[in-house]
């Protein structure tokens, strides 16, 4: 699921992410990459998003300053029930 925040307001993005992090129906969260966010060598893709506890949008090729989402999140996986004998 991708979300676009008006004017890319970083404070609002952070507030939305903090809310989503508290929900049991949210899996992984992605925000714009943090400069030096675990990238290692210069020029490499950042790993961490600018909001603590998120991954960088660059990891999933969704970073775009003009048209890209501000927040992307997944739903947690559903495990199939074990078959009963």
PDB file of N, CA and C in Angstrom:
ATOM      1  N   UNK A   1       0.858  -1.151   0.000  1.00  0.00           N
ATOM      2  CA  UNK A   1       0.000   0.000   0.000  1.00  0.00           C
ATOM      3  C   UNK A   1       0.912   1.222   0.000  1.00  0.00           C
ATOM      4  N   UNK A   2       0.632   2.176  -0.840  1.00  0.00           N
ATOM      5  CA  UNK A   2       1.461   3.379  -0.864  1.00  0.00           C
ATOM      6  C   UNK A   2       0.628   4.601  -0.507  1.00  0.00           C
ATOM      7  N   UNK A   3       1.262   5.512   0.206  1.00  0.00           N
ATOM      8  CA  UNK A   3       0.607   6.736   0.661  1.00  0.00           C
ATOM      9  C   UNK A   3       1.399   7.948   0.201  1.00  0.00           C
ATOM     10  N   UNK A   4       0.685   8.958  -0.220  1.00  0.00           N
ATOM     11  CA  UNK A   4       1.288  10.226  -0.598  1.00  0.00           C
ATOM     12  C   UNK A   4       0.843  11.268   0.421  1.00  0.00           C
ATOM     13  N   UNK A   5       1.784  12.037   0.950  1.00  0.00           N
ATOM     14  CA  UNK A   5       1.496  13.040   1.973  1.00  0.00           C
ATOM     15  C   UNK A   5       1.658  14.419   1.343  1.00  0.00           C
ATOM     16  N   UNK A   6       0.663  15.266   1.556  1.00  0.00           N
ATOM     17  CA  UNK A   6       0.689  16.608   0.966  1.00  0.00           C
ATOM     18  C   UNK A   6       1.986  17.331   1.316  1.00  0.00           C
ATOM     19  N   UNK A   7       2.610  17.875   0.307  1.00  0.00           N
ATOM     20  CA  UNK A   7       3.857  18.650   0.429  1.00  0.00           C
ATOM     21  C   UNK A   7       5.014  17.840   1.014  1.00  0.00           C
ATOM     22  N   UNK A   8       4.882  16.536   1.033  1.00  0.00           N
ATOM     23  CA  UNK A   8       5.946  15.657   1.563  1.00  0.00           C
ATOM     24  C   UNK A   8       6.398  16.101   2.950  1.00  0.00           C
ATOM     25  N   UNK A   9       5.445  16.508   3.758  1.00  0.00           N
ATOM     26  CA  UNK A   9       5.694  17.023   5.100  1.00  0.00           C
ATOM     27  C   UNK A   9       6.309  15.922   5.973  1.00  0.00           C
ATOM     28  N   UNK A  10       7.587  16.075   6.300  1.00  0.00           N
ATOM     29  CA  UNK A  10       8.309  15.033   7.039  1.00  0.00           C
ATOM     30  C   UNK A  10       7.743  14.798   8.433  1.00  0.00           C
ATOM     31  N   UNK A  11       7.265  15.837   9.081  1.00  0.00           N
ATOM     32  CA  UNK A  11       6.668  15.646  10.410  1.00  0.00           C
ATOM     33  C   UNK A  11       5.393  14.823  10.315  1.00  0.00           C
ATOM     34  N   UNK A  12       4.571  15.119   9.324  1.00  0.00           N
ATOM     35  CA  UNK A  12       3.330  14.364   9.129  1.00  0.00           C
ATOM     36  C   UNK A  12       3.645  12.921   8.729  1.00  0.00           C
ATOM     37  N   UNK A  13       4.633  12.742   7.862  1.00  0.00           N
ATOM     38  CA  UNK A  13       5.034  11.391   7.469  1.00  0.00           C
ATOM     39  C   UNK A  13       5.458  10.613   8.710  1.00  0.00           C
ATOM     40  N   UNK A  14       6.268  11.236   9.556  1.00  0.00           N
ATOM     41  CA  UNK A  14       6.710  10.579  10.782  1.00  0.00           C
ATOM     42  C   UNK A  14       5.552  10.205  11.684  1.00  0.00           C
ATOM     43  N   UNK A  15       4.567  11.091  11.819  1.00  0.00           N
ATOM     44  CA  UNK A  15       3.408  10.809  12.670  1.00  0.00           C
ATOM     45  C   UNK A  15       2.593   9.649  12.116  1.00  0.00           C
ATOM     46  N   UNK A  16       2.402   9.620  10.802  1.00  0.00           N
ATOM     47  CA  UNK A  16       1.651   8.524  10.182  1.00  0.00           C
ATOM     48  C   UNK A  16       2.393   7.210  10.376  1.00  0.00           C
ATOM     49  N   UNK A  17       3.699   7.226  10.156  1.00  0.00           N
ATOM     50  CA  UNK A  17       4.495   6.004  10.319  1.00  0.00           C
ATOM     51  C   UNK A  17       4.437   5.514  11.762  1.00  0.00           C
ATOM     52  N   UNK A  18       4.562   6.404  12.712  1.00  0.00           N
ATOM     53  CA  UNK A  18       4.496   5.988  14.127  1.00  0.00           C
ATOM     54  C   UNK A  18       3.145   5.349  14.442  1.00  0.00           C
ATOM     55  N   UNK A  19       2.078   5.875  13.863  1.00  0.00           N
ATOM     56  CA  UNK A  19       0.758   5.257  14.029  1.00  0.00           C
ATOM     57  C   UNK A  19       0.751   3.858  13.409  1.00  0.00           C
ATOM     58  N   UNK A  20       1.225   3.765  12.173  1.00  0.00           N
ATOM     59  CA  UNK A  20       1.217   2.479  11.479  1.00  0.00           C
ATOM     60  C   UNK A  20       2.064   1.434  12.208  1.00  0.00           C
ATOM     61  N   UNK A  21       3.161   1.865  12.807  1.00  0.00           N
ATOM     62  CA  UNK A  21       4.031   0.924  13.522  1.00  0.00           C
ATOM     63  C   UNK A  21       3.324   0.284  14.710  1.00  0.00           C
ATOM     64  N   UNK A  22       2.275   0.895  15.199  1.00  0.00           N
ATOM     65  CA  UNK A  22       1.539   0.358  16.349  1.00  0.00           C
ATOM     66  C   UNK A  22       0.424  -0.604  15.941  1.00  0.00           C
ATOM     67  N   UNK A  23       0.178  -0.728  14.636  1.00  0.00           N
ATOM     68  CA  UNK A  23      -0.940  -1.545  14.164  1.00  0.00           C
ATOM     69  C   UNK A  23      -0.488  -2.969  13.847  1.00  0.00           C
ATOM     70  N   UNK A  24      -1.272  -3.945  14.274  1.00  0.00           N
ATOM     71  CA  UNK A  24      -0.894  -5.339  14.020  1.00  0.00           C
ATOM     72  C   UNK A  24      -1.174  -5.767  12.583  1.00  0.00           C
ATOM     73  N   UNK A  25      -1.861  -4.949  11.813  1.00  0.00           N
ATOM     74  CA  UNK A  25      -2.161  -5.280  10.426  1.00  0.00           C
ATOM     75  C   UNK A  25      -1.143  -4.694   9.444  1.00  0.00           C
ATOM     76  N   UNK A  26      -0.057  -4.134   9.973  1.00  0.00           N
ATOM     77  CA  UNK A  26       0.987  -3.550   9.130  1.00  0.00           C
ATOM     78  C   UNK A  26       2.252  -4.395   9.237  1.00  0.00           C
ATOM     79  N   UNK A  27       2.846  -4.682   8.085  1.00  0.00           N
ATOM     80  CA  UNK A  27       4.106  -5.418   8.053  1.00  0.00           C
ATOM     81  C   UNK A  27       5.277  -4.451   7.935  1.00  0.00           C
ATOM     82  N   UNK A  28       6.040  -4.580   6.864  1.00  0.00           N
ATOM     83  CA  UNK A  28       7.217  -3.730   6.647  1.00  0.00           C
ATOM     84  C   UNK A  28       6.793  -2.326   6.222  1.00  0.00           C
ATOM     85  N   UNK A  29       7.560  -1.338   6.667  1.00  0.00           N
ATOM     86  CA  UNK A  29       7.312   0.065   6.323  1.00  0.00           C
ATOM     87  C   UNK A  29       8.530   0.644   5.613  1.00  0.00           C
ATOM     88  N   UNK A  30       8.271   1.481   4.617  1.00  0.00           N
ATOM     89  CA  UNK A  30       9.327   2.109   3.828  1.00  0.00           C
ATOM     90  C   UNK A  30       9.089   3.614   3.754  1.00  0.00           C
ATOM     91  N   UNK A  31      10.161   4.393   3.898  1.00  0.00           N
ATOM     92  CA  UNK A  31      10.130   5.843   3.698  1.00  0.00           C
ATOM     93  C   UNK A  31      11.384   6.226   2.909  1.00  0.00           C
ATOM     94  N   UNK A  32      11.486   7.483   2.530  1.00  0.00           N
ATOM     95  CA  UNK A  32      12.661   7.937   1.776  1.00  0.00           C
ATOM     96  C   UNK A  32      13.937   7.600   2.533  1.00  0.00           C
ATOM     97  N   UNK A  33      14.946   7.228   1.789  1.00  0.00           N
ATOM     98  CA  UNK A  33      16.211   6.833   2.392  1.00  0.00           C
ATOM     99  C   UNK A  33      16.872   7.938   3.185  1.00  0.00           C
ATOM    100  N   UNK A  34      17.435   7.535   4.283  1.00  0.00           N
ATOM    101  CA  UNK A  34      18.177   8.451   5.137  1.00  0.00           C
ATOM    102  C   UNK A  34      19.579   8.586   4.563  1.00  0.00           C
ATOM    103  N   UNK A  35      20.087   9.813   4.394  1.00  0.00           N
ATOM    104  CA  UNK A  35      21.457   9.943   3.902  1.00  0.00           C
ATOM    105  C   UNK A  35      22.406   9.159   4.810  1.00  0.00           C
ATOM    106  N   UNK A  36      23.158   8.261   4.215  1.00  0.00           N
ATOM    107  CA  UNK A  36      24.069   7.431   4.992  1.00  0.00           C
ATOM    108  C   UNK A  36      23.338   6.367   5.792  1.00  0.00           C
ATOM    109  N   UNK A  37      22.101   6.089   5.449  1.00  0.00           N
ATOM    110  CA  UNK A  37      21.286   5.138   6.199  1.00  0.00           C
ATOM    111  C   UNK A  37      21.699   3.703   5.995  1.00  0.00           C
ATOM    112  N   UNK A  38      22.884   3.375   6.485  1.00  0.00           N
ATOM    113  CA  UNK A  38      23.373   2.001   6.364  1.00  0.00           C
ATOM    114  C   UNK A  38      23.893   1.679   4.982  1.00  0.00           C
ATOM    115  N   UNK A  39      24.179   2.714   4.199  1.00  0.00           N
ATOM    116  CA  UNK A  39      24.582   2.493   2.821  1.00  0.00           C
ATOM    117  C   UNK A  39      25.998   1.951   2.691  1.00  0.00           C
ATOM    118  N   UNK A  40      26.819   2.150   3.695  1.00  0.00           N
ATOM    119  CA  UNK A  40      28.201   1.690   3.589  1.00  0.00           C
ATOM    120  C   UNK A  40      29.000   2.634   2.726  1.00  0.00           C
ATOM    121  N   UNK A  41      29.364   2.192   1.538  1.00  0.00           N
ATOM    122  CA  UNK A  41      30.165   3.027   0.637  1.00  0.00           C
ATOM    123  C   UNK A  41      29.281   4.059  -0.058  1.00  0.00           C
ATOM    124  N   UNK A  42      29.870   5.199  -0.348  1.00  0.00           N
ATOM    125  CA  UNK A  42      29.131   6.265  -1.027  1.00  0.00           C
ATOM    126  C   UNK A  42      28.638   5.767  -2.383  1.00  0.00           C
ATOM    127  N   UNK A  43      27.427   6.179  -2.735  1.00  0.00           N
ATOM    128  CA  UNK A  43      26.864   5.774  -4.012  1.00  0.00           C
ATOM    129  C   UNK A  43      26.031   4.507  -3.932  1.00  0.00           C
ATOM    130  N   UNK A  44      26.040   3.863  -2.793  1.00  0.00           N
ATOM    131  CA  UNK A  44      25.223   2.655  -2.641  1.00  0.00           C
ATOM    132  C   UNK A  44      23.829   3.021  -2.174  1.00  0.00           C
ATOM    133  N   UNK A  45      22.916   2.123  -2.369  1.00  0.00           N
ATOM    134  CA  UNK A  45      21.520   2.344  -1.990  1.00  0.00           C
ATOM    135  C   UNK A  45      21.386   2.348  -0.469  1.00  0.00           C
ATOM    136  N   UNK A  46      20.697   3.358   0.084  1.00  0.00           N
ATOM    137  CA  UNK A  46      20.484   3.348   1.538  1.00  0.00           C
ATOM    138  C   UNK A  46      19.578   2.189   1.944  1.00  0.00           C
ATOM    139  N   UNK A  47      19.731   1.737   3.149  1.00  0.00           N
ATOM    140  CA  UNK A  47      18.926   0.634   3.677  1.00  0.00           C
ATOM    141  C   UNK A  47      17.841   1.173   4.592  1.00  0.00           C
ATOM    142  N   UNK A  48      18.187   2.136   5.411  1.00  0.00           N
ATOM    143  CA  UNK A  48      17.253   2.668   6.403  1.00  0.00           C
ATOM    144  C   UNK A  48      16.508   3.877   5.861  1.00  0.00           C
ATOM    145  N   UNK A  49      15.219   3.947   6.183  1.00  0.00           N
ATOM    146  CA  UNK A  49      14.432   5.119   5.844  1.00  0.00           C
ATOM    147  C   UNK A  49      14.704   6.236   6.836  1.00  0.00           C
ATOM    148  N   UNK A  50      14.244   7.442   6.524  1.00  0.00           N
ATOM    149  CA  UNK A  50      14.517   8.569   7.421  1.00  0.00           C
ATOM    150  C   UNK A  50      13.709   8.489   8.709  1.00  0.00           C
ATOM    151  N   UNK A  51      12.601   7.749   8.713  1.00  0.00           N
ATOM    152  CA  UNK A  51      11.839   7.555   9.942  1.00  0.00           C
ATOM    153  C   UNK A  51      12.392   6.301  10.624  1.00  0.00           C
ATOM    154  N   UNK A  52      12.764   6.392  11.888  1.00  0.00           N
ATOM    155  CA  UNK A  52      13.315   5.223  12.581  1.00  0.00           C
ATOM    156  C   UNK A  52      12.385   4.011  12.490  1.00  0.00           C
ATOM    157  N   UNK A  53      12.993   2.866  12.215  1.00  0.00           N
ATOM    158  CA  UNK A  53      12.228   1.625  12.117  1.00  0.00           C
ATOM    159  C   UNK A  53      11.677   1.330  10.736  1.00  0.00           C
ATOM    160  N   UNK A  54      12.062   2.151   9.746  1.00  0.00           N
ATOM    161  CA  UNK A  54      11.592   1.909   8.377  1.00  0.00           C
ATOM    162  C   UNK A  54      12.774   1.563   7.477  1.00  0.00           C
ATOM    163  N   UNK A  55      12.450   0.924   6.365  1.00  0.00           N
ATOM    164  CA  UNK A  55      13.433   0.647   5.330  1.00  0.00           C
ATOM    165  C   UNK A  55      13.355   1.765   4.284  1.00  0.00           C
ATOM    166  N   UNK A  56      14.391   1.892   3.486  1.00  0.00           N
ATOM    167  CA  UNK A  56      14.438   2.928   2.452  1.00  0.00           C
ATOM    168  C   UNK A  56      13.617   2.522   1.234  1.00  0.00           C
ATOM    169  N   UNK A  57      12.872   3.472   0.704  1.00  0.00           N
ATOM    170  CA  UNK A  57      12.110   3.237  -0.526  1.00  0.00           C
ATOM    171  C   UNK A  57      13.031   2.816  -1.674  1.00  0.00           C
ATOM    172  N   UNK A  58      14.277   3.263  -1.618  1.00  0.00           N
ATOM    173  CA  UNK A  58      15.234   2.932  -2.671  1.00  0.00           C
ATOM    174  C   UNK A  58      15.455   1.420  -2.782  1.00  0.00           C
ATOM    175  N   UNK A  59      15.293   0.708  -1.680  1.00  0.00           N
ATOM    176  CA  UNK A  59      15.497  -0.754  -1.702  1.00  0.00           C
ATOM    177  C   UNK A  59      14.509  -1.465  -2.608  1.00  0.00           C
ATOM    178  N   UNK A  60      13.321  -0.901  -2.724  1.00  0.00           N
ATOM    179  CA  UNK A  60      12.280  -1.532  -3.532  1.00  0.00           C
ATOM    180  C   UNK A  60      11.982  -0.704  -4.790  1.00  0.00           C
ATOM    181  N   UNK A  61      12.930   0.140  -5.162  1.00  0.00           N
ATOM    182  CA  UNK A  61      12.870   0.933  -6.392  1.00  0.00           C
ATOM    183  C   UNK A  61      11.608   1.789  -6.488  1.00  0.00           C
ATOM    184  N   UNK A  62      11.197   2.382  -5.356  1.00  0.00           N
ATOM    185  CA  UNK A  62      10.011   3.238  -5.352  1.00  0.00           C
ATOM    186  C   UNK A  62      10.332   4.687  -5.021  1.00  0.00           C
ATOM    187  N   UNK A  63      11.599   5.016  -4.894  1.00  0.00           N
ATOM    188  CA  UNK A  63      11.987   6.398  -4.584  1.00  0.00           C
ATOM    189  C   UNK A  63      11.900   7.244  -5.855  1.00  0.00           C
ATOM    190  N   UNK A  64      11.127   8.320  -5.781  1.00  0.00           N
ATOM    191  CA  UNK A  64      11.009   9.261  -6.891  1.00  0.00           C
ATOM    192  C   UNK A  64      10.558  10.577  -6.297  1.00  0.00           C
ATOM    193  N   UNK A  65      11.397  11.601  -6.399  1.00  0.00           N
ATOM    194  CA  UNK A  65      11.110  12.882  -5.763  1.00  0.00           C
ATOM    195  C   UNK A  65       9.850  13.553  -6.289  1.00  0.00           C
ATOM    196  N   UNK A  66       9.460  13.264  -7.507  1.00  0.00           N
ATOM    197  CA  UNK A  66       8.286  13.925  -8.078  1.00  0.00           C
ATOM    198  C   UNK A  66       7.011  13.115  -7.928  1.00  0.00           C
ATOM    199  N   UNK A  67       7.069  11.821  -8.221  1.00  0.00           N
ATOM    200  CA  UNK A  67       5.839  11.025  -8.279  1.00  0.00           C
ATOM    201  C   UNK A  67       5.792   9.859  -7.316  1.00  0.00           C
ATOM    202  N   UNK A  68       6.879   9.607  -6.625  1.00  0.00           N
ATOM    203  CA  UNK A  68       6.938   8.445  -5.747  1.00  0.00           C
ATOM    204  C   UNK A  68       6.133   8.629  -4.472  1.00  0.00           C
ATOM    205  N   UNK A  69       5.772   7.532  -3.843  1.00  0.00           N
ATOM    206  CA  UNK A  69       5.039   7.601  -2.578  1.00  0.00           C
ATOM    207  C   UNK A  69       5.951   8.074  -1.454  1.00  0.00           C
ATOM    208  N   UNK A  70       5.334   8.563  -0.389  1.00  0.00           N
ATOM    209  CA  UNK A  70       6.084   8.985   0.791  1.00  0.00           C
ATOM    210  C   UNK A  70       6.207   7.857   1.802  1.00  0.00           C
ATOM    211  N   UNK A  71       5.210   6.990   1.811  1.00  0.00           N
ATOM    212  CA  UNK A  71       5.186   5.849   2.732  1.00  0.00           C
ATOM    213  C   UNK A  71       4.680   4.647   1.949  1.00  0.00           C
ATOM    214  N   UNK A  72       5.333   3.534   2.120  1.00  0.00           N
ATOM    215  CA  UNK A  72       4.843   2.269   1.571  1.00  0.00           C
ATOM    216  C   UNK A  72       4.836   1.281   2.714  1.00  0.00           C
ATOM    217  N   UNK A  73       3.762   0.494   2.802  1.00  0.00           N
ATOM    218  CA  UNK A  73       3.753  -0.553   3.817  1.00  0.00           C
ATOM    219  C   UNK A  73       3.146  -1.817   3.240  1.00  0.00           C
ATOM    220  N   UNK A  74       3.520  -2.915   3.850  1.00  0.00           N
ATOM    221  CA  UNK A  74       2.993  -4.214   3.459  1.00  0.00           C
ATOM    222  C   UNK A  74       2.059  -4.702   4.555  1.00  0.00           C
ATOM    223  N   UNK A  75       1.290  -5.691   4.211  1.00  0.00           N
ATOM    224  CA  UNK A  75       0.472  -6.368   5.205  1.00  0.00           C
ATOM    225  C   UNK A  75       1.245  -7.598   5.660  1.00  0.00           C
ATOM    226  N   UNK A  76       1.077  -8.002   6.899  1.00  0.00           N
ATOM    227  CA  UNK A  76       1.823  -9.178   7.361  1.00  0.00           C
ATOM    228  C   UNK A  76       1.364 -10.423   6.594  1.00  0.00           C
ATOM    229  N   UNK A  77       2.281 -11.362   6.467  1.00  0.00           N
ATOM    230  CA  UNK A  77       1.955 -12.611   5.786  1.00  0.00           C
ATOM    231  C   UNK A  77       0.921 -13.417   6.542  1.00  0.00           C
ATOM    232  N   UNK A  78       0.178 -14.202   5.819  1.00  0.00           N
ATOM    233  CA  UNK A  78      -0.812 -15.078   6.437  1.00  0.00           C
ATOM    234  C   UNK A  78      -0.314 -16.499   6.299  1.00  0.00           C
ATOM    235  N   UNK A  79      -0.235 -17.178   7.416  1.00  0.00           N
ATOM    236  CA  UNK A  79       0.210 -18.560   7.395  1.00  0.00           C
ATOM    237  C   UNK A  79      -0.981 -19.482   7.209  1.00  0.00           C
ATOM    238  N   UNK A  80      -0.853 -20.466   6.340  1.00  0.00           N
ATOM    239  CA  UNK A  80      -1.972 -21.402   6.170  1.00  0.00           C
ATOM    240  C   UNK A  80      -2.124 -22.259   7.427  1.00  0.00           C
ATOM    241  N   UNK A  81      -3.347 -22.614   7.719  1.00  0.00           N
ATOM    242  CA  UNK A  81      -3.598 -23.474   8.871  1.00  0.00           C
ATOM    243  C   UNK A  81      -3.049 -24.872   8.605  1.00  0.00           C
ATOM    244  N   UNK A  82      -2.577 -25.489   9.657  1.00  0.00           N
ATOM    245  CA  UNK A  82      -2.090 -26.861   9.533  1.00  0.00           C
ATOM    246  C   UNK A  82      -3.288 -27.773   9.293  1.00  0.00           C
ATOM    247  N   UNK A  83      -3.109 -28.721   8.428  1.00  0.00           N
ATOM    248  CA  UNK A  83      -4.189 -29.680   8.152  1.00  0.00           C
ATOM    249  C   UNK A  83      -4.307 -30.624   9.326  1.00  0.00           C
ATOM    250  N   UNK A  84      -5.509 -30.842   9.710  1.00  0.00           N
ATOM    251  CA  UNK A  84      -5.731 -31.762  10.816  1.00  0.00           C
ATOM    252  C   UNK A  84      -6.031 -33.152  10.282  1.00  0.00           C
ATOM    253  N   UNK A  85      -5.477 -34.136  10.939  1.00  0.00           N
ATOM    254  CA  UNK A  85      -5.667 -35.521  10.486  1.00  0.00           C
ATOM    255  C   UNK A  85      -7.005 -36.060  10.919  1.00  0.00           C
TER     256      UNK A  85
END
